[in-house]
N, C-alpha and C. Protein backbone atom coordinates (compact mmCIF):
# COMPACT_ATOMS: atom_id res chain seq x y z
N MET A 1 46.45 -14.99 59.91
CA MET A 1 45.76 -14.05 58.97
C MET A 1 45.09 -14.62 58.37
N LYS A 2 44.13 -14.48 58.58
CA LYS A 2 43.26 -14.67 57.51
C LYS A 2 43.17 -14.68 56.16
N THR A 3 43.59 -15.37 54.93
CA THR A 3 43.35 -14.86 53.83
C THR A 3 41.94 -14.34 53.20
N ILE A 4 41.96 -13.21 52.48
CA ILE A 4 40.71 -13.64 51.82
C ILE A 4 40.11 -13.34 50.00
N LYS A 5 39.05 -13.99 50.55
CA LYS A 5 38.98 -14.81 48.92
C LYS A 5 38.60 -14.14 47.93
N TYR A 6 38.65 -13.69 46.42
CA TYR A 6 37.91 -13.05 45.73
C TYR A 6 36.88 -13.85 44.54
N ARG A 7 36.21 -13.41 44.68
CA ARG A 7 35.21 -14.11 44.35
C ARG A 7 35.08 -13.32 42.70
N PHE A 8 34.91 -13.95 41.84
CA PHE A 8 35.09 -13.67 40.04
C PHE A 8 34.09 -14.69 39.90
N GLY A 9 33.79 -14.19 38.38
CA GLY A 9 31.94 -14.55 37.52
C GLY A 9 31.03 -14.28 38.51
N PHE A 10 30.47 -14.57 37.92
CA PHE A 10 28.38 -14.48 37.65
C PHE A 10 27.93 -15.87 39.24
N SER A 11 26.91 -15.41 39.83
CA SER A 11 26.20 -16.94 39.75
C SER A 11 25.48 -17.17 39.23
N LEU A 12 24.66 -18.69 39.12
CA LEU A 12 23.97 -18.95 38.84
C LEU A 12 22.29 -17.90 38.76
N ILE A 13 21.92 -17.16 39.54
CA ILE A 13 21.31 -16.29 40.39
C ILE A 13 21.15 -15.58 39.20
N GLU A 14 22.31 -14.38 39.33
CA GLU A 14 22.87 -12.89 38.63
C GLU A 14 22.17 -13.04 37.07
N ALA A 15 22.98 -13.91 36.36
CA ALA A 15 22.48 -14.95 34.93
C ALA A 15 21.47 -15.40 34.65
N LEU A 16 20.82 -16.00 35.64
CA LEU A 16 18.92 -15.90 35.24
C LEU A 16 19.50 -14.82 34.95
N ILE A 17 18.80 -14.08 35.63
CA ILE A 17 18.87 -12.61 36.16
C ILE A 17 18.70 -11.67 34.77
N ILE A 18 20.01 -11.24 34.25
CA ILE A 18 20.42 -10.82 32.96
C ILE A 18 19.42 -11.33 31.85
N MET A 19 19.39 -12.86 31.82
CA MET A 19 19.01 -13.37 30.73
C MET A 19 17.86 -13.32 30.34
N SER A 20 16.47 -13.16 31.67
CA SER A 20 15.58 -12.86 31.67
C SER A 20 15.26 -11.21 31.48
N LEU A 21 16.27 -10.45 31.31
CA LEU A 21 16.44 -9.18 31.06
C LEU A 21 16.03 -8.99 29.34
N ILE A 22 17.09 -9.76 29.40
CA ILE A 22 17.68 -9.63 27.44
C ILE A 22 16.30 -10.16 26.95
N VAL A 23 15.77 -10.79 27.03
CA VAL A 23 14.57 -11.73 26.85
C VAL A 23 13.77 -11.15 26.63
N GLY A 24 13.44 -10.24 28.55
CA GLY A 24 12.09 -9.14 28.14
C GLY A 24 11.93 -8.63 27.05
N ILE A 25 13.57 -7.48 27.21
CA ILE A 25 13.97 -6.36 25.75
C ILE A 25 14.40 -6.74 24.16
N ALA A 26 14.09 -8.56 24.24
CA ALA A 26 14.02 -8.42 23.05
C ALA A 26 12.77 -8.82 22.36
N VAL A 27 11.53 -10.06 23.15
CA VAL A 27 10.44 -10.06 23.29
C VAL A 27 9.64 -9.10 22.76
N TRP A 28 10.27 -7.90 23.50
CA TRP A 28 9.28 -5.98 23.61
C TRP A 28 9.69 -5.06 22.17
N SER A 29 11.38 -5.76 21.83
CA SER A 29 11.63 -4.71 20.28
C SER A 29 11.63 -5.55 18.97
N VAL A 30 11.08 -6.40 19.74
CA VAL A 30 10.20 -7.76 18.24
C VAL A 30 9.07 -6.83 17.59
N SER A 31 8.37 -7.06 18.33
CA SER A 31 6.60 -6.34 19.30
C SER A 31 6.84 -4.40 18.17
N ILE A 32 7.99 -3.85 18.68
CA ILE A 32 7.92 -2.62 18.20
C ILE A 32 7.44 -2.17 16.77
N PHE A 33 9.07 -3.21 16.41
CA PHE A 33 9.75 -3.27 14.82
C PHE A 33 8.72 -3.88 14.16
N SER A 34 7.43 -4.77 14.81
CA SER A 34 6.68 -5.90 13.68
C SER A 34 5.47 -4.86 13.65
N ASP A 35 5.27 -4.02 14.67
CA ASP A 35 3.74 -2.61 14.17
C ASP A 35 5.10 -1.60 13.53
N LEU A 36 6.58 -0.79 13.32
CA LEU A 36 6.33 -0.72 12.55
C LEU A 36 6.41 -0.91 11.57
N TRP A 37 6.92 -2.01 10.87
CA TRP A 37 6.90 -2.68 9.94
C TRP A 37 5.29 -2.70 9.28
N GLN A 38 4.02 -2.61 9.73
CA GLN A 38 3.10 -2.78 8.85
C GLN A 38 2.90 -1.59 8.52
N LYS A 39 3.02 -0.28 9.82
CA LYS A 39 1.96 0.97 9.60
C LYS A 39 3.04 1.23 7.32
N GLN A 40 4.58 0.74 7.96
CA GLN A 40 5.28 1.07 6.89
C GLN A 40 4.74 0.97 5.42
N GLN A 41 4.59 -0.33 5.66
CA GLN A 41 3.64 -1.28 4.72
C GLN A 41 2.56 -0.17 4.12
N ALA A 42 1.99 -0.21 5.00
CA ALA A 42 0.48 0.75 3.97
C ALA A 42 0.36 1.55 4.34
N ASP A 43 1.86 2.23 4.75
CA ASP A 43 1.74 4.01 3.91
C ASP A 43 2.72 3.73 2.48
N HIS A 44 3.68 2.99 2.54
CA HIS A 44 4.04 2.46 0.89
C HIS A 44 2.90 2.70 0.28
N VAL A 45 2.97 1.05 0.45
CA VAL A 45 1.30 1.55 -0.21
C VAL A 45 0.57 2.08 -0.89
N THR A 46 -0.21 2.71 -0.27
CA THR A 46 -0.82 3.71 -0.36
C THR A 46 -0.56 5.28 -1.07
N GLU A 47 0.64 5.36 -0.52
CA GLU A 47 0.75 7.31 -1.36
C GLU A 47 1.83 6.08 -2.28
N THR A 48 2.14 5.45 -2.56
CA THR A 48 3.05 4.52 -3.77
C THR A 48 1.06 4.95 -5.19
N ILE A 49 0.74 4.57 -4.41
CA ILE A 49 -0.77 4.35 -5.21
C ILE A 49 -0.93 5.56 -5.66
N ARG A 50 -1.09 6.45 -4.09
CA ARG A 50 -2.11 8.34 -4.88
C ARG A 50 -0.81 9.29 -5.81
N GLY A 51 0.29 8.64 -5.77
CA GLY A 51 0.66 9.10 -6.20
C GLY A 51 1.09 8.43 -8.12
N VAL A 52 0.84 7.33 -8.45
CA VAL A 52 0.33 6.84 -9.59
C VAL A 52 -0.35 8.07 -9.51
N LEU A 53 -2.10 8.16 -9.27
CA LEU A 53 -3.10 8.84 -9.99
C LEU A 53 -3.13 9.75 -10.12
N GLY A 54 -1.69 10.57 -9.21
CA GLY A 54 -1.72 12.58 -8.96
C GLY A 54 -0.71 12.17 -10.43
N ARG A 55 0.14 10.99 -10.97
CA ARG A 55 0.84 11.96 -12.43
C ARG A 55 -0.24 11.33 -13.28
N ALA A 56 -1.23 10.57 -13.41
CA ALA A 56 -2.06 9.69 -14.22
C ALA A 56 -3.20 11.49 -14.52
N ARG A 57 -3.58 12.25 -13.92
CA ARG A 57 -4.05 13.37 -13.34
C ARG A 57 -3.00 14.30 -14.50
N LEU A 58 -2.24 14.34 -13.51
CA LEU A 58 -1.15 15.55 -14.86
C LEU A 58 -0.89 14.92 -16.04
N TYR A 59 -0.54 13.54 -16.02
CA TYR A 59 -0.79 13.65 -17.84
C TYR A 59 -1.60 13.79 -18.84
N SER A 60 -3.16 13.18 -17.81
CA SER A 60 -3.91 13.80 -19.34
C SER A 60 -4.25 15.61 -19.92
N MET A 61 -3.85 16.45 -17.72
CA MET A 61 -3.39 17.66 -18.33
C MET A 61 -2.40 17.76 -19.59
N THR A 62 -0.73 17.36 -19.28
CA THR A 62 -0.26 17.53 -19.72
C THR A 62 -0.72 17.26 -21.12
N TYR A 63 -0.80 15.95 -21.89
CA TYR A 63 -1.37 15.84 -22.63
C TYR A 63 -2.07 15.96 -24.15
N GLY A 64 -3.37 16.24 -22.48
CA GLY A 64 -4.11 16.86 -23.28
C GLY A 64 -5.31 14.98 -23.81
N GLN A 65 -5.67 14.71 -23.19
CA GLN A 65 -5.74 12.99 -24.04
C GLN A 65 -6.33 11.83 -22.56
N SER A 66 -6.79 10.63 -22.54
CA SER A 66 -7.21 9.86 -21.83
C SER A 66 -6.36 9.55 -20.39
N VAL A 67 -5.95 9.63 -19.99
CA VAL A 67 -5.36 8.47 -18.86
C VAL A 67 -6.38 7.67 -18.44
N VAL A 68 -6.25 6.26 -18.19
CA VAL A 68 -6.68 5.65 -17.73
C VAL A 68 -5.65 5.01 -16.59
N VAL A 69 -6.04 4.79 -15.52
CA VAL A 69 -4.95 3.78 -14.30
C VAL A 69 -5.93 2.90 -13.91
N CYS A 70 -5.41 1.30 -14.32
CA CYS A 70 -5.98 0.09 -13.96
C CYS A 70 -5.31 -0.74 -12.89
N GLY A 71 -5.93 -1.45 -12.30
CA GLY A 71 -4.85 -3.04 -11.36
C GLY A 71 -4.87 -3.81 -12.68
N ILE A 72 -4.04 -5.00 -12.98
CA ILE A 72 -3.70 -5.47 -13.49
C ILE A 72 -3.75 -6.17 -13.50
N GLU A 73 -4.56 -7.88 -14.37
CA GLU A 73 -4.46 -8.90 -14.12
C GLU A 73 -3.92 -10.04 -15.34
N LYS A 74 -3.38 -10.87 -15.20
CA LYS A 74 -3.11 -11.10 -16.25
C LYS A 74 -3.66 -12.57 -17.06
N ILE A 75 -4.23 -12.50 -18.76
CA ILE A 75 -4.53 -14.01 -18.86
C ILE A 75 -4.60 -14.12 -20.59
N ASN A 76 -3.63 -14.98 -20.15
CA ASN A 76 -2.66 -15.30 -21.85
C ASN A 76 -1.80 -14.72 -21.71
N ASN A 77 -1.00 -13.99 -20.67
CA ASN A 77 0.54 -13.68 -20.84
C ASN A 77 -0.13 -12.59 -21.56
N VAL A 78 -1.65 -11.28 -21.48
CA VAL A 78 -1.49 -10.30 -21.65
C VAL A 78 -2.07 -10.10 -20.42
N GLU A 79 -1.28 -8.70 -20.49
CA GLU A 79 -1.88 -7.84 -19.06
C GLU A 79 -3.11 -7.11 -19.25
N THR A 80 -4.52 -7.20 -18.67
CA THR A 80 -5.27 -6.47 -18.95
C THR A 80 -5.95 -5.70 -17.32
N CYS A 81 -6.48 -4.55 -17.50
CA CYS A 81 -7.46 -3.74 -16.70
C CYS A 81 -7.57 -5.08 -16.17
N SER A 82 -8.41 -4.38 -14.20
CA SER A 82 -9.24 -5.89 -13.86
C SER A 82 -9.08 -5.09 -12.44
N ARG A 83 -10.12 -5.86 -11.03
CA ARG A 83 -10.36 -5.24 -10.47
C ARG A 83 -9.51 -5.62 -8.71
N ASP A 84 -8.81 -6.75 -9.67
CA ASP A 84 -7.60 -6.69 -9.12
C ASP A 84 -6.44 -5.73 -8.39
N TRP A 85 -6.24 -5.21 -7.54
CA TRP A 85 -5.43 -3.74 -7.42
C TRP A 85 -4.58 -4.56 -6.67
N SER A 86 -4.55 -5.49 -6.20
CA SER A 86 -3.50 -6.07 -5.33
C SER A 86 -1.88 -6.35 -5.52
N LYS A 87 -1.62 -6.38 -6.59
CA LYS A 87 -0.03 -6.40 -6.89
C LYS A 87 0.12 -5.31 -7.80
N LYS A 88 -0.05 -4.68 -8.79
CA LYS A 88 0.42 -4.41 -10.01
C LYS A 88 -0.97 -3.25 -10.41
N MET A 89 -0.57 -1.72 -11.21
CA MET A 89 -1.56 -1.25 -11.27
C MET A 89 -0.42 -1.02 -13.24
N MET A 90 -0.64 0.12 -14.09
CA MET A 90 -0.56 0.54 -15.03
C MET A 90 -1.77 1.78 -15.16
N THR A 91 -0.53 2.54 -16.09
CA THR A 91 -1.52 4.18 -16.27
C THR A 91 -1.10 3.87 -18.18
N PHE A 92 -2.22 4.39 -18.98
CA PHE A 92 -2.00 4.32 -20.68
C PHE A 92 -2.81 5.88 -21.06
N ILE A 93 -2.73 5.94 -21.83
CA ILE A 93 -3.43 6.76 -22.87
C ILE A 93 -4.80 6.66 -23.21
N ASP A 94 -5.66 6.55 -23.16
CA ASP A 94 -7.18 5.53 -23.70
C ASP A 94 -6.65 6.46 -24.96
N GLN A 95 -6.65 5.95 -26.09
CA GLN A 95 -7.05 7.02 -27.29
C GLN A 95 -8.39 7.19 -27.95
N ASN A 96 -8.69 5.44 -27.81
CA ASN A 96 -9.92 4.72 -28.62
C ASN A 96 -11.34 5.04 -27.59
N GLY A 97 -10.59 5.41 -26.04
CA GLY A 97 -11.47 5.06 -24.91
C GLY A 97 -12.14 3.48 -24.53
N ASP A 98 -11.47 2.64 -24.72
CA ASP A 98 -12.51 1.69 -25.07
C ASP A 98 -11.82 0.72 -23.63
N LYS A 99 -11.06 2.19 -22.47
CA LYS A 99 -10.68 1.01 -21.30
C LYS A 99 -8.45 0.52 -20.89
N GLN A 100 -8.57 -0.53 -21.82
CA GLN A 100 -8.06 -0.97 -21.98
C GLN A 100 -7.19 -0.47 -22.62
N LEU A 101 -5.49 -1.26 -22.41
CA LEU A 101 -4.46 -1.16 -23.34
C LEU A 101 -4.29 -1.25 -24.65
N SER A 102 -4.53 -0.96 -25.80
CA SER A 102 -4.46 -1.40 -27.00
C SER A 102 -3.71 -0.79 -28.03
N ASP A 103 -3.43 -1.84 -28.68
CA ASP A 103 -2.03 -1.92 -29.54
C ASP A 103 -1.90 0.26 -30.11
N GLY A 104 -0.95 0.79 -29.86
CA GLY A 104 -1.21 1.79 -30.66
C GLY A 104 -1.44 2.49 -29.81
N GLU A 105 -1.20 2.59 -28.29
CA GLU A 105 -1.68 3.00 -27.49
C GLU A 105 -0.67 3.33 -26.59
N THR A 106 -0.14 4.14 -25.55
CA THR A 106 1.38 4.31 -24.76
C THR A 106 0.85 4.29 -23.75
N GLN A 107 1.96 3.16 -22.93
CA GLN A 107 1.33 3.32 -21.33
C GLN A 107 2.48 3.82 -21.06
N LEU A 108 2.36 4.49 -19.68
CA LEU A 108 2.86 5.41 -19.13
C LEU A 108 3.51 4.98 -18.00
N GLU A 109 3.58 4.03 -17.02
CA GLU A 109 3.57 3.12 -16.07
C GLU A 109 2.98 2.16 -15.60
N ASN A 110 4.65 1.42 -15.98
CA ASN A 110 3.74 0.02 -14.86
C ASN A 110 4.14 0.05 -13.71
N ILE A 111 3.01 -0.18 -12.46
CA ILE A 111 3.88 -0.41 -11.02
C ILE A 111 3.55 -1.10 -10.28
N ILE A 112 5.06 -1.77 -9.79
CA ILE A 112 4.28 -2.72 -9.34
C ILE A 112 4.63 -2.02 -7.54
N LEU A 113 2.85 -2.80 -6.92
CA LEU A 113 2.82 -2.05 -5.90
C LEU A 113 3.99 -3.58 -4.76
N LEU A 114 3.56 -4.83 -4.96
CA LEU A 114 3.90 -5.56 -3.94
C LEU A 114 5.51 -6.72 -4.86
N ALA A 115 6.75 -6.27 -4.57
CA ALA A 115 6.98 -7.22 -5.70
C ALA A 115 7.34 -9.12 -4.78
N HIS A 116 6.92 -9.11 -3.75
CA HIS A 116 6.76 -10.33 -3.04
C HIS A 116 5.93 -10.27 -3.28
N ASP A 117 5.02 -12.04 -2.52
CA ASP A 117 3.67 -11.96 -1.74
C ASP A 117 3.54 -12.71 -0.50
N SER A 118 4.14 -12.11 0.73
CA SER A 118 5.08 -12.22 1.80
C SER A 118 3.38 -11.45 2.81
N VAL A 119 3.03 -10.45 1.99
CA VAL A 119 2.11 -9.67 3.26
C VAL A 119 1.30 -9.94 2.67
N ASP A 120 0.21 -10.15 3.01
CA ASP A 120 -1.72 -10.49 2.55
C ASP A 120 -2.15 -8.83 2.23
N GLN A 121 -2.24 -9.10 1.62
CA GLN A 121 -2.98 -7.16 2.16
C GLN A 121 -4.27 -8.07 0.84
N VAL A 122 -5.59 -6.74 1.40
CA VAL A 122 -6.21 -7.04 0.07
C VAL A 122 -6.83 -5.39 -0.58
N LEU A 123 -6.78 -4.18 -1.73
CA LEU A 123 -6.79 -3.51 -2.05
C LEU A 123 -8.38 -3.59 -3.15
N LYS A 124 -9.13 -2.54 -2.24
CA LYS A 124 -10.53 -2.95 -2.55
C LYS A 124 -11.18 -1.64 -3.55
N ASN A 125 -12.21 -1.97 -4.70
CA ASN A 125 -12.36 -0.86 -4.65
C ASN A 125 -13.57 -1.55 -5.57
N LYS A 126 -14.78 -0.81 -6.05
CA LYS A 126 -16.15 -1.15 -7.05
C LYS A 126 -15.17 -1.17 -8.73
N SER A 127 -14.39 -0.24 -9.35
CA SER A 127 -14.30 0.09 -10.27
C SER A 127 -12.70 -0.71 -10.87
N ALA A 128 -12.86 -1.31 -11.64
CA ALA A 128 -11.45 -2.01 -12.70
C ALA A 128 -10.58 -1.72 -12.71
N TYR A 129 -11.05 -0.05 -13.44
CA TYR A 129 -10.28 1.37 -14.01
C TYR A 129 -10.34 2.94 -13.03
N PHE A 130 -9.75 4.21 -13.48
CA PHE A 130 -10.36 5.78 -12.84
C PHE A 130 -10.31 5.64 -14.54
N SER A 131 -10.62 6.85 -14.81
CA SER A 131 -10.62 7.58 -16.40
C SER A 131 -10.28 9.27 -16.14
N TYR A 132 -9.01 9.64 -16.30
CA TYR A 132 -9.16 11.45 -16.51
C TYR A 132 -9.07 11.56 -17.87
N ARG A 133 -10.41 12.47 -17.82
CA ARG A 133 -10.42 13.30 -19.03
C ARG A 133 -9.06 14.08 -18.99
N LYS A 134 -8.67 15.11 -20.67
CA LYS A 134 -8.15 16.04 -21.02
C LYS A 134 -7.47 16.97 -20.08
N ASN A 135 -8.71 17.25 -19.19
CA ASN A 135 -8.44 18.20 -18.70
C ASN A 135 -8.60 17.93 -16.52
N GLY A 136 -8.28 16.44 -16.47
CA GLY A 136 -6.92 16.72 -15.33
C GLY A 136 -8.58 16.38 -14.37
N ILE A 137 -9.60 15.76 -15.03
CA ILE A 137 -11.46 15.36 -14.44
C ILE A 137 -11.21 14.63 -14.11
N LEU A 138 -11.34 13.67 -12.83
CA LEU A 138 -12.33 11.94 -12.89
C LEU A 138 -13.40 11.80 -13.68
N SER A 139 -13.18 10.98 -15.49
CA SER A 139 -14.61 11.17 -15.11
C SER A 139 -15.98 10.37 -15.32
N ALA A 140 -15.36 9.69 -14.20
CA ALA A 140 -17.21 9.33 -12.90
C ALA A 140 -16.97 9.99 -11.97
N SER A 141 -18.14 9.47 -10.54
CA SER A 141 -17.96 10.10 -9.66
C SER A 141 -16.25 10.64 -9.02
N ALA A 142 -16.73 10.57 -7.88
CA ALA A 142 -15.79 10.43 -6.62
C ALA A 142 -16.20 8.91 -6.52
N ALA A 143 -14.23 8.86 -6.07
CA ALA A 143 -13.96 7.35 -5.18
C ALA A 143 -13.16 6.90 -4.65
N SER A 144 -13.35 5.76 -3.78
CA SER A 144 -12.39 5.26 -3.04
C SER A 144 -11.38 4.22 -3.09
N ILE A 145 -10.36 3.70 -2.82
CA ILE A 145 -9.95 2.37 -2.78
C ILE A 145 -9.13 2.48 -1.55
N PHE A 146 -9.27 1.11 -0.30
CA PHE A 146 -9.46 0.27 0.62
C PHE A 146 -8.33 -0.61 0.40
N TYR A 147 -7.43 -0.40 1.05
CA TYR A 147 -5.93 -0.70 1.54
C TYR A 147 -6.55 -1.54 2.61
N CYS A 148 -6.49 -3.34 3.06
CA CYS A 148 -7.16 -3.79 3.87
C CYS A 148 -5.58 -4.58 4.77
N PRO A 149 -5.08 -5.16 5.52
CA PRO A 149 -4.12 -5.59 5.45
C PRO A 149 -4.77 -6.80 6.22
N ASN A 150 -4.35 -8.02 5.99
CA ASN A 150 -4.38 -9.51 6.66
C ASN A 150 -4.78 -9.02 8.64
N THR A 151 -5.00 -7.93 9.04
CA THR A 151 -4.80 -8.24 10.84
C THR A 151 -6.51 -7.51 10.88
N THR A 152 -6.75 -7.29 11.99
CA THR A 152 -7.90 -6.94 12.77
C THR A 152 -7.96 -5.35 13.48
N ASP A 153 -6.32 -5.60 12.88
CA ASP A 153 -5.98 -4.29 13.80
C ASP A 153 -6.56 -2.66 13.13
N ILE A 154 -7.44 -1.91 12.93
CA ILE A 154 -7.61 -0.57 12.76
C ILE A 154 -6.53 0.11 12.32
N ARG A 155 -5.62 -0.12 12.80
CA ARG A 155 -4.59 1.04 13.04
C ARG A 155 -4.00 1.60 11.30
N TYR A 156 -3.64 0.18 10.89
CA TYR A 156 -2.45 -0.22 9.37
C TYR A 156 -4.19 0.14 8.20
N ARG A 157 -5.18 -0.04 8.63
CA ARG A 157 -5.88 0.05 6.89
C ARG A 157 -5.86 2.02 6.27
N ARG A 158 -6.57 2.14 5.26
CA ARG A 158 -6.30 3.80 4.69
C ARG A 158 -7.48 3.14 4.06
N LYS A 159 -8.20 4.33 3.67
CA LYS A 159 -8.78 4.89 2.16
C LYS A 159 -7.94 5.24 1.44
N ILE A 160 -8.01 5.33 0.66
CA ILE A 160 -7.49 7.11 -0.83
C ILE A 160 -9.12 7.13 -1.58
N ILE A 161 -8.65 7.92 -1.89
CA ILE A 161 -10.24 9.25 -1.65
C ILE A 161 -9.71 10.10 -2.78
N ILE A 162 -10.60 9.49 -4.26
CA ILE A 162 -10.45 10.59 -5.51
C ILE A 162 -11.66 11.83 -6.08
N ASN A 163 -11.26 12.29 -5.79
CA ASN A 163 -12.98 12.99 -5.36
C ASN A 163 -13.30 12.96 -7.14
N VAL A 164 -14.18 14.71 -7.30
CA VAL A 164 -13.93 13.91 -9.08
C VAL A 164 -13.19 15.32 -9.69
N THR A 165 -12.22 16.44 -8.93
CA THR A 165 -11.89 17.23 -9.73
C THR A 165 -10.41 16.27 -9.84
N GLY A 166 -10.46 14.83 -10.21
CA GLY A 166 -8.96 14.33 -9.44
C GLY A 166 -8.20 14.15 -8.32
N ARG A 167 -7.64 14.73 -7.37
CA ARG A 167 -7.19 15.63 -6.29
C ARG A 167 -7.50 14.11 -5.67
N VAL A 168 -6.22 14.10 -4.96
CA VAL A 168 -5.92 12.20 -4.45
C VAL A 168 -5.86 13.09 -3.06
N ARG A 169 -6.06 11.57 -1.81
CA ARG A 169 -5.83 12.27 -0.48
C ARG A 169 -5.97 11.03 0.30
N ILE A 170 -5.46 10.78 1.17
CA ILE A 170 -5.52 9.36 2.31
C ILE A 170 -5.77 9.30 3.72
N GLU A 171 -6.96 8.78 3.89
CA GLU A 171 -7.31 8.90 5.51
C GLU A 171 -6.64 7.26 5.44
N LYS A 172 -6.43 7.66 7.24
CA LYS A 172 -5.75 6.67 7.92
C LYS A 172 -6.45 5.74 9.10
N GLU A 173 -7.01 5.14 9.96
CA GLU A 173 -7.37 4.10 10.42
C GLU A 173 -8.51 5.36 11.35
N ALA A 174 -7.67 6.77 11.67
CA ALA A 174 -9.65 7.13 12.77
C ALA A 174 -10.31 7.64 11.77
N ALA A 175 -10.33 7.72 10.73
CA ALA A 175 -11.39 8.13 9.70
C ALA A 175 -11.95 6.94 8.48
N ILE A 176 -11.23 5.59 8.67
CA ILE A 176 -12.37 4.22 8.26
C ILE A 176 -13.39 3.50 9.57
N THR A 177 -14.81 3.97 8.82
CA THR A 177 -15.89 3.95 9.54
C THR A 177 -16.22 2.59 9.13
N PRO A 178 -16.99 1.49 9.94
CA PRO A 178 -16.96 0.38 10.08
C PRO A 178 -18.02 -0.43 9.06
N SER A 179 -18.18 0.25 8.81
CA SER A 179 -19.50 0.31 7.20
C SER A 179 -17.90 0.27 5.84
N ASP A 180 -16.95 0.66 6.16
CA ASP A 180 -16.13 0.74 4.87
C ASP A 180 -15.59 -1.46 4.72
N PRO A 181 -15.30 -1.47 3.43
CA PRO A 181 -15.70 -3.24 3.15
C PRO A 181 -14.72 -3.91 4.03
N CYS A 182 -13.79 -3.20 4.11
CA CYS A 182 -11.75 -4.24 4.95
C CYS A 182 -13.20 -5.53 6.08
């Protein structure tokens, strides 16, 4: 009588095939999550800026005073308005019209756009501030802020447009042209 031997376990070839499938799926999922993270980061920063600008417009109409939004630079432990919009922004009621937060003026918001420095991003804007009049209208002509992450992929670039009436909208990758500063 012949005895039948049952085989338990996997052969080396089967184990290698399974491992290569697992590695392939892992590589694929890491690239997908990286894309999702970059898109989420771009959306988060631009939506935060849109919210700040929208609230500044609302504050100006509510309080009936000029409200300024600006990027922040720290000089001698004093936060002042600057052209660097990449890390922090502040909103304040500008009673004396100097476009700087002075003693006695009310600071409405101080927003940290990125709490860490691991993301290399640039927010480009020609002006150091946006000023809203008492009626919520921008005191200058229409303006734009460009979100330019440190990547050549245009899918993550954003353009924040503030029209003369103070309303804010965001244009995503398809609307950004090669002539834009990114």
